[in-house]
């Protein structure tokens, strides 16, 4: 009798295994109709566990995919400032997304437009860039104070005069606005395709009008945010362009986001042209009339100069860029070696610095890192391994930013 029961179980189990194997193993995009843990059907009725249709993670507007991996971060050349605050070390950075370009004036004007319509006046006022960053007592840059942000000719030049705090607020607004737009697309009726090209089977698949989709629905993009310093430096290096085999040996390093130790293009029709917008030397911002080289006395068009091997523009020069990290000189030895990031003064308290007593030090818990070099910086600062810092509520004509986003739904 026991043998009969055993054979019955084996036979039934064989049918179950055969049934499962026909459909293959469940995945995030094809979880099946029933739970592999309980055998209970999904989406059977209102009491059932609801499993929404899910397509592969979509790419948010303006973003480029950055494949992560192992790399060596840190300074490569002599430490001119003698800071020793970014010594080389091996880390792993997970894949993520980053804006193809710096956030431009037209993007910020769009932001101001919606804030003016939807927010309190003080919120709008707080979002206005400090255009007086162009004004200098001993130079005549006055026209930029009035025209740089709003004149149509500067639409696709990088926004400047924004603090780290303002850049963070923009990321929060952009996340909400993009998801609001995607939710409206998903709520479309008739035979239209839903969010991210998904075919709707019924009205219940789309979020209700005016409601915020849940994370479980798959209708929500992760947050736009400032990149971490490690992400920014990794993306700027773009060492994916130096890999010529699959042996995992990284035989080449880069001083700049392009090959070689020179700042001029060594190839083709653009031979001799500068690869970035930076200050060539004392008083020399662009070259001479009739033969301008980088051609930009101040900032430049966000798509100027060749992109790096990830397809990112102006990861050196044009404007410095804010990153998430709080500044500490010893972050390289304190942070983790997987997705390193310093969010606060943990392990290096601000009380270790005398910034509150005579300002002998500028380091406290309100200073943030910026990287990349600008139109007003010499070539040394174009190297991804260099780093500087400034108060998070301060702004200059040489600092802008770009956004990043996690690679959700993937362990790469």
Protein backbone atom coordinates (compact mmCIF):
# COMPACT_ATOMS: atom_id res chain seq x y z
CA UNK A 1 0.00 0.00 0.00
CA UNK A 2 2.81 2.36 0.91
CA UNK A 3 4.53 1.50 -2.37
CA UNK A 4 1.39 2.42 -4.30
CA UNK A 5 1.20 5.76 -2.46
CA UNK A 6 4.86 6.40 -3.23
CA UNK A 7 4.43 5.64 -6.93
CA UNK A 8 1.34 7.86 -7.04
CA UNK A 9 3.32 10.74 -5.58
CA UNK A 10 6.13 10.20 -8.06
CA UNK A 11 3.72 10.09 -10.99
CA UNK A 12 1.83 13.20 -9.83
CA UNK A 13 5.11 14.96 -9.15
CA UNK A 14 6.31 14.04 -12.60
CA UNK A 15 3.23 15.64 -14.14
CA UNK A 16 3.76 18.78 -12.05
CA UNK A 17 7.41 19.02 -13.09
CA UNK A 18 6.50 18.46 -16.71
CA UNK A 19 3.82 21.11 -16.49
CA UNK A 20 6.26 23.64 -14.99
CA UNK A 21 9.02 22.92 -17.46
CA UNK A 22 6.83 23.70 -20.46
CA UNK A 23 6.53 27.32 -19.43
CA UNK A 24 10.14 27.56 -18.24
CA UNK A 25 11.26 29.05 -14.95
CA UNK A 26 9.36 32.12 -13.73
CA UNK A 27 10.95 35.53 -14.18
CA UNK A 28 10.13 39.09 -13.17
CA UNK A 29 8.55 39.76 -16.55
CA UNK A 30 6.79 36.36 -16.74
CA UNK A 31 5.96 35.25 -13.17
CA UNK A 32 3.28 32.80 -14.29
CA UNK A 33 -0.34 32.55 -13.23
CA UNK A 34 0.21 30.86 -9.87
CA UNK A 35 2.62 31.21 -6.96
CA UNK A 36 5.53 28.76 -6.94
CA UNK A 37 5.54 29.06 -3.13
CA UNK A 38 1.86 28.40 -2.32
CA UNK A 39 0.28 27.23 -5.58
CA UNK A 40 -2.41 29.91 -5.20
CA UNK A 41 -3.45 31.75 -8.36
CA UNK A 42 -2.48 35.36 -8.84
CA UNK A 43 -5.08 38.01 -9.78
CA UNK A 44 -7.97 35.53 -9.37
CA UNK A 45 -10.16 38.03 -7.55
CA UNK A 46 -9.91 41.10 -5.32
CA UNK A 47 -8.63 39.00 -2.40
CA UNK A 48 -5.87 37.40 -4.46
CA UNK A 49 -2.31 38.63 -4.49
CA UNK A 50 -2.12 41.09 -7.38
CA UNK A 51 0.86 40.73 -9.70
CA UNK A 52 0.95 43.53 -12.26
CA UNK A 53 2.25 43.14 -15.80
CA UNK A 54 5.86 44.21 -15.95
CA UNK A 55 8.15 44.97 -18.87
CA UNK A 56 11.89 45.43 -18.56
CA UNK A 57 12.93 48.51 -16.62
CA UNK A 58 12.48 51.49 -18.96
CA UNK A 59 15.08 54.16 -19.51
CA UNK A 60 14.09 57.53 -18.11
CA UNK A 61 14.17 60.65 -20.30
CA UNK A 62 17.63 62.08 -20.90
CA UNK A 63 19.53 59.15 -19.41
CA UNK A 64 22.34 56.95 -20.74
CA UNK A 65 23.07 53.46 -19.37
CA UNK A 66 26.41 53.13 -17.57
CA UNK A 67 27.55 49.53 -17.24
CA UNK A 68 29.22 49.09 -13.88
CA UNK A 69 32.15 46.95 -12.78
CA UNK A 70 35.49 46.95 -11.01
CA UNK A 71 37.72 49.97 -11.40
CA UNK A 72 40.47 51.97 -9.76
CA UNK A 73 39.38 55.36 -8.53
CA UNK A 74 41.65 58.16 -7.44
CA UNK A 75 44.20 60.72 -8.60
CA UNK A 76 46.69 59.71 -11.26
CA UNK A 77 48.93 62.73 -11.68
CA UNK A 78 50.96 64.69 -9.17
CA UNK A 79 48.83 66.16 -6.39
CA UNK A 80 49.31 69.87 -7.12
CA UNK A 81 47.23 71.01 -4.16
CA UNK A 82 48.99 68.47 -1.84
CA UNK A 83 45.62 67.39 -0.47
CA UNK A 84 46.16 63.62 -0.74
CA UNK A 85 42.40 63.25 -0.49
CA UNK A 86 41.77 60.77 -3.33
CA UNK A 87 44.42 58.08 -3.18
CA UNK A 88 43.98 55.23 -5.65
CA UNK A 89 41.96 52.21 -4.54
CA UNK A 90 39.99 49.40 -6.20
CA UNK A 91 36.19 49.52 -5.94
CA UNK A 92 33.14 48.12 -7.69
CA UNK A 93 30.40 50.44 -8.95
CA UNK A 94 27.00 48.99 -9.84
CA UNK A 95 25.42 49.81 -13.20
CA UNK A 96 23.32 52.96 -13.24
CA UNK A 97 21.93 55.66 -15.52
CA UNK A 98 23.28 59.18 -15.96
CA UNK A 99 22.18 62.25 -17.91
CA UNK A 100 23.78 62.44 -21.33
CA UNK A 101 24.48 66.13 -20.78
CA UNK A 102 24.56 68.73 -18.06
CA UNK A 103 21.17 70.14 -17.07
CA UNK A 104 20.66 73.14 -19.35
CA UNK A 105 19.05 76.56 -18.96
CA UNK A 106 15.95 75.42 -20.88
CA UNK A 107 15.47 72.55 -18.44
CA UNK A 108 15.69 74.92 -15.49
CA UNK A 109 13.28 77.38 -17.11
CA UNK A 110 10.81 74.51 -17.58
CA UNK A 111 11.25 73.70 -13.88
CA UNK A 112 10.57 77.35 -12.94
CA UNK A 113 7.50 77.42 -15.20
CA UNK A 114 5.83 74.51 -13.40
CA UNK A 115 6.88 75.73 -9.95
CA UNK A 116 5.32 79.11 -10.66
CA UNK A 117 2.07 77.44 -11.70
CA UNK A 118 1.88 74.76 -9.00
CA UNK A 119 3.79 76.00 -5.95
CA UNK A 120 3.86 78.77 -3.41
CA UNK A 121 5.69 81.98 -4.41
CA UNK A 122 8.43 81.34 -1.86
CA UNK A 123 9.14 77.92 -3.43
CA UNK A 124 9.52 79.54 -6.84
CA UNK A 125 11.77 82.25 -5.41
CA UNK A 126 13.97 79.66 -3.70
CA UNK A 127 14.49 77.88 -7.03
CA UNK A 128 15.77 80.93 -8.91
CA UNK A 129 19.46 80.60 -9.79
CA UNK A 130 21.80 83.24 -8.47
CA UNK A 131 22.50 85.11 -11.69
CA UNK A 132 24.76 87.57 -9.87
CA UNK A 133 27.46 84.88 -9.87
CA UNK A 134 28.51 86.41 -13.21
CA UNK A 135 29.02 89.84 -11.69
CA UNK A 136 32.58 90.71 -10.72
CA UNK A 137 33.80 94.02 -9.39
CA UNK A 138 36.81 94.16 -11.70
CA UNK A 139 35.35 92.65 -14.90
CA UNK A 140 32.47 93.45 -17.24
CA UNK A 141 30.31 90.32 -17.28
CA UNK A 142 27.15 92.27 -16.48
CA UNK A 143 25.22 91.18 -19.61
CA UNK A 144 25.32 87.54 -18.44
CA UNK A 145 23.55 88.52 -15.22
CA UNK A 146 20.42 89.39 -17.19
CA UNK A 147 20.74 87.25 -20.29
CA UNK A 148 22.57 83.98 -19.59
CA UNK A 149 19.63 82.11 -18.04
CA UNK A 150 16.73 83.46 -20.10
CA UNK A 151 18.00 84.56 -23.52
CA UNK A 152 16.99 81.94 -26.18
CA UNK A 153 20.51 81.75 -27.55
CA UNK A 154 21.68 80.25 -24.25
CA UNK A 155 18.89 77.65 -24.03
CA UNK A 156 21.17 74.64 -24.29
CA UNK A 157 24.05 75.97 -22.26
CA UNK A 158 24.50 74.46 -18.77
CA UNK A 159 22.58 76.11 -15.97
CA UNK A 160 24.87 77.72 -13.38
CA UNK A 161 24.35 79.69 -10.22
CA UNK A 162 22.56 76.73 -8.62
CA UNK A 163 23.52 75.41 -5.21
CA UNK A 164 23.75 71.75 -4.21
CA UNK A 165 20.47 72.17 -2.33
CA UNK A 166 18.73 73.61 -5.39
CA UNK A 167 20.09 70.81 -7.58
CA UNK A 168 18.64 68.26 -5.16
CA UNK A 169 15.27 69.98 -5.23
CA UNK A 170 15.32 69.85 -9.03
CA UNK A 171 15.95 66.08 -8.91
CA UNK A 172 12.93 65.62 -6.63
CA UNK A 173 10.72 67.71 -8.92
CA UNK A 174 11.96 65.94 -12.05
CA UNK A 175 11.18 62.53 -10.55
CA UNK A 176 7.63 63.59 -9.69
CA UNK A 177 7.05 65.26 -13.07
CA UNK A 178 8.35 62.34 -15.14
CA UNK A 179 6.30 59.81 -13.18
CA UNK A 180 3.23 62.04 -13.39
CA UNK A 181 3.61 62.17 -17.16
CA UNK A 182 4.11 58.41 -17.42
CA UNK A 183 1.06 57.77 -15.24
CA UNK A 184 -1.04 59.96 -17.53
CA UNK A 185 0.15 57.93 -20.51
CA UNK A 186 -0.77 54.72 -18.71
CA UNK A 187 -4.25 56.08 -17.98
CA UNK A 188 -5.05 56.62 -21.68
CA UNK A 189 -8.18 54.90 -22.94
CA UNK A 190 -9.28 53.04 -26.05
CA UNK A 191 -6.87 50.83 -27.90
CA UNK A 192 -3.80 52.86 -27.03
CA UNK A 193 -0.83 51.13 -25.56
CA UNK A 194 -0.17 51.77 -21.92
CA UNK A 195 2.92 52.87 -20.05
CA UNK A 196 6.26 51.86 -21.58
CA UNK A 197 4.45 50.30 -24.58
CA UNK A 198 2.45 47.72 -22.62
CA UNK A 199 -0.80 46.62 -24.18
CA UNK A 200 -3.69 47.18 -21.80
CA UNK A 201 -5.99 44.25 -21.11
CA UNK A 202 -8.44 46.24 -19.05
CA UNK A 203 -9.03 49.55 -17.35
CA UNK A 204 -7.92 48.11 -14.03
CA UNK A 205 -4.35 47.71 -15.28
CA UNK A 206 -3.74 51.46 -15.42
CA UNK A 207 -3.55 53.55 -12.27
CA UNK A 208 -6.63 55.59 -11.50
CA UNK A 209 -6.52 59.17 -12.70
CA UNK A 210 -4.90 61.47 -10.18
CA UNK A 211 -3.55 58.59 -8.09
CA UNK A 212 0.11 57.73 -7.62
CA UNK A 213 1.08 54.27 -8.87
CA UNK A 214 2.72 51.97 -6.34
CA UNK A 215 6.26 50.68 -6.72
CA UNK A 216 4.86 47.15 -7.11
CA UNK A 217 2.91 48.21 -10.18
CA UNK A 218 6.08 48.72 -12.23
CA UNK A 219 4.69 52.04 -13.43
CA UNK A 220 7.13 54.14 -11.40
CA UNK A 221 10.66 55.14 -12.34
CA UNK A 222 13.19 55.34 -9.49
CA UNK A 223 14.30 58.74 -8.29
CA UNK A 224 16.39 61.09 -10.35
CA UNK A 225 19.23 62.21 -8.05
CA UNK A 226 22.73 63.58 -8.04
CA UNK A 227 25.31 60.88 -8.82
CA UNK A 228 27.61 59.73 -6.06
CA UNK A 229 31.22 60.80 -6.39
CA UNK A 230 32.24 57.22 -7.23
CA UNK A 231 29.55 56.97 -9.93
CA UNK A 232 30.55 60.31 -11.41
CA UNK A 233 34.26 59.50 -11.47
CA UNK A 234 33.62 56.01 -12.89
CA UNK A 235 31.37 57.39 -15.64
CA UNK A 236 33.89 60.12 -16.50
CA UNK A 237 36.75 57.63 -16.86
CA UNK A 238 34.68 55.53 -19.32
CA UNK A 239 37.29 52.78 -19.27
CA UNK A 240 34.88 50.55 -21.17
CA UNK A 241 36.52 52.09 -24.24
CA UNK A 242 39.95 50.69 -23.29
CA UNK A 243 38.83 47.04 -23.09
CA UNK A 244 40.04 45.06 -26.08
CA UNK A 245 39.54 41.51 -24.79
CA UNK A 246 37.49 39.54 -22.25
CA UNK A 247 40.36 38.67 -19.91
CA UNK A 248 39.32 41.22 -17.25
CA UNK A 249 42.70 42.91 -17.37
CA UNK A 250 42.41 46.67 -17.34
CA UNK A 251 45.70 47.46 -18.99
CA UNK A 252 45.05 51.12 -19.64
CA UNK A 253 44.14 54.03 -17.40
CA UNK A 254 42.94 57.45 -18.44
CA UNK A 255 44.11 60.79 -17.16
CA UNK A 256 41.11 62.45 -18.84
CA UNK A 257 37.79 61.07 -20.16
CA UNK A 258 39.64 60.30 -23.42
CA UNK A 259 42.83 58.42 -24.31
CA UNK A 260 46.28 59.90 -23.95
CA UNK A 261 47.90 62.59 -21.84
CA UNK A 262 47.11 65.42 -24.22
CA UNK A 263 44.11 67.74 -24.24
CA UNK A 264 44.00 68.05 -28.04
CA UNK A 265 42.42 65.62 -30.49
CA UNK A 266 45.21 63.62 -32.16
CA UNK A 267 43.05 62.15 -34.95
CA UNK A 268 41.31 63.02 -38.23
CA UNK A 269 39.80 66.31 -39.31
CA UNK A 270 39.60 67.54 -35.73
CA UNK A 271 43.30 66.97 -35.11
CA UNK A 272 44.71 69.67 -32.86
CA UNK A 273 41.32 70.78 -31.53
CA UNK A 274 40.80 70.83 -27.79
CA UNK A 275 38.70 68.00 -26.33
CA UNK A 276 37.07 70.16 -23.67
CA UNK A 277 36.19 73.71 -22.68
CA UNK A 278 38.75 74.92 -20.16
CA UNK A 279 41.17 77.75 -19.42
CA UNK A 280 44.39 77.26 -21.38
CA UNK A 281 46.49 79.56 -19.25
CA UNK A 282 46.54 82.94 -17.58
CA UNK A 283 44.15 85.19 -19.50
CA UNK A 284 43.60 82.59 -22.29
CA UNK A 285 40.07 81.21 -22.35
CA UNK A 286 39.55 80.43 -26.06
CA UNK A 287 42.51 81.20 -28.32
CA UNK A 288 42.94 84.07 -30.79
CA UNK A 289 40.44 85.67 -33.19
CA UNK A 290 40.31 83.92 -36.55
CA UNK A 291 41.58 80.70 -35.02
CA UNK A 292 39.57 80.17 -31.85
CA UNK A 293 40.25 76.73 -30.49
CA UNK A 294 37.76 75.66 -27.87
CA UNK A 295 35.85 78.76 -28.97
CA UNK A 296 34.14 79.37 -25.64
CA UNK A 297 35.08 82.30 -23.47
CA UNK A 298 32.53 81.10 -20.91
CA UNK A 299 30.33 77.98 -20.96
CA UNK A 300 29.45 76.17 -24.18
CA UNK A 301 26.65 74.21 -25.88
CA UNK A 302 25.97 71.06 -23.84
CA UNK A 303 26.60 68.83 -26.87
CA UNK A 304 29.93 70.44 -27.78
CA UNK A 305 33.10 68.35 -27.93
CA UNK A 306 33.21 64.58 -28.50
CA UNK A 307 31.35 62.41 -25.95
CA UNK A 308 33.27 59.84 -23.94
CA UNK A 309 32.90 56.09 -24.51
CA UNK A 310 29.68 55.95 -22.48
CA UNK A 311 28.19 58.65 -24.70
CA UNK A 312 28.38 61.35 -22.02
CA UNK A 313 29.15 64.91 -23.06
CA UNK A 314 31.39 67.36 -21.19
CA UNK A 315 32.46 65.10 -18.34
CA UNK A 316 35.57 67.31 -18.39
CA UNK A 317 35.34 71.08 -18.62
CA UNK A 318 32.42 73.40 -19.44
CA UNK A 319 31.14 73.39 -15.85
CA UNK A 320 32.09 71.54 -12.70
CA UNK A 321 29.30 69.27 -11.45
CA UNK A 322 27.83 68.70 -8.01
CA UNK A 323 27.81 65.13 -6.66
CA UNK A 324 25.98 63.71 -3.67
CA UNK A 325 28.90 63.15 -1.34
CA UNK A 326 29.74 65.12 1.75
CA UNK A 327 33.39 66.13 1.60
CA UNK A 328 35.97 64.56 3.85
CA UNK A 329 39.68 64.33 2.99
CA UNK A 330 39.87 60.69 4.10
CA UNK A 331 36.78 59.36 2.36
CA UNK A 332 38.94 57.14 0.17
CA UNK A 333 39.92 55.04 3.19
CA UNK A 334 36.62 55.20 5.09
CA UNK A 335 33.91 54.34 2.56
CA UNK A 336 32.97 50.84 1.41
CA UNK A 337 34.54 49.28 -1.67
CA UNK A 338 31.14 48.44 -3.21
CA UNK A 339 29.25 51.56 -4.33
CA UNK A 340 31.32 53.88 -2.07
CA UNK A 341 29.49 56.95 -0.80
CA UNK A 342 29.78 59.37 2.13
CA UNK A 343 26.38 60.61 3.24
CA UNK A 344 27.41 62.17 6.57
CA UNK A 345 30.27 62.54 9.00
CA UNK A 346 30.25 58.92 10.18
CA UNK A 347 33.79 57.88 11.22
CA UNK A 348 35.00 61.45 10.65
CA UNK A 349 32.90 63.78 12.76
CA UNK A 350 32.80 67.48 11.96
CA UNK A 351 34.02 68.21 15.48
CA UNK A 352 37.43 67.04 14.26
CA UNK A 353 37.63 70.24 12.21
CA UNK A 354 37.76 73.79 13.56
CA UNK A 355 35.43 75.33 10.99
CA UNK A 356 33.39 77.01 13.72
CA UNK A 357 36.39 78.65 15.38
CA UNK A 358 37.95 81.22 13.13
CA UNK A 359 37.36 79.15 9.99
CA UNK A 360 40.83 77.63 9.95
CA UNK A 361 39.09 74.75 8.18
CA UNK A 362 36.22 74.93 5.69
CA UNK A 363 35.21 71.32 6.32
CA UNK A 364 31.89 70.67 8.04
CA UNK A 365 28.68 68.73 7.44
CA UNK A 366 27.38 71.29 4.93
CA UNK A 367 30.13 71.05 2.30
CA UNK A 368 29.70 68.93 -0.83
CA UNK A 369 32.05 67.62 -3.49
CA UNK A 370 32.14 68.95 -7.05
CA UNK A 371 34.18 67.52 -9.90
CA UNK A 372 35.11 67.83 -13.56
CA UNK A 373 36.72 71.21 -14.10
CA UNK A 374 35.11 74.17 -15.86
CA UNK A 375 35.56 76.87 -18.47
CA UNK A 376 37.47 78.84 -15.85
CA UNK A 377 39.77 76.02 -14.67
CA UNK A 378 43.14 74.85 -15.98
CA UNK A 379 43.62 71.35 -17.39
CA UNK A 380 44.64 69.80 -14.04
CA UNK A 381 41.02 69.86 -12.85
CA UNK A 382 39.75 68.02 -15.95
CA UNK A 383 41.02 64.72 -14.55
CA UNK A 384 38.16 62.66 -13.03
CA UNK A 385 40.27 61.87 -9.96
CA UNK A 386 40.53 65.50 -8.81
CA UNK A 387 37.97 66.78 -6.30
CA UNK A 388 37.04 70.03 -4.62
CA UNK A 389 34.31 71.11 -2.24
CA UNK A 390 32.04 74.03 -1.46
CA UNK A 391 29.18 74.86 0.92
CA UNK A 392 25.97 73.18 -0.19
CA UNK A 393 24.04 76.47 -0.19
CA UNK A 394 26.63 78.30 -2.32
CA UNK A 395 26.67 78.79 -6.09
CA UNK A 396 29.11 79.99 -8.73
CA UNK A 397 29.24 80.55 -12.49
CA UNK A 398 31.46 77.47 -12.83
CA UNK A 399 29.29 74.76 -11.24
CA UNK A 400 26.29 72.97 -12.72
CA UNK A 401 25.09 69.37 -12.44
CA UNK A 402 23.55 66.35 -14.10
CA UNK A 403 21.22 63.68 -12.71
CA UNK A 404 21.61 59.93 -12.23
CA UNK A 405 19.29 56.99 -11.49
CA UNK A 406 19.74 53.47 -10.15
CA UNK A 407 19.49 50.48 -12.44
CA UNK A 408 16.41 49.03 -10.74
CA UNK A 409 15.51 45.35 -11.04
CA UNK A 410 19.08 44.24 -11.76
CA UNK A 411 22.00 43.01 -9.69
CA UNK A 412 24.55 44.33 -12.19
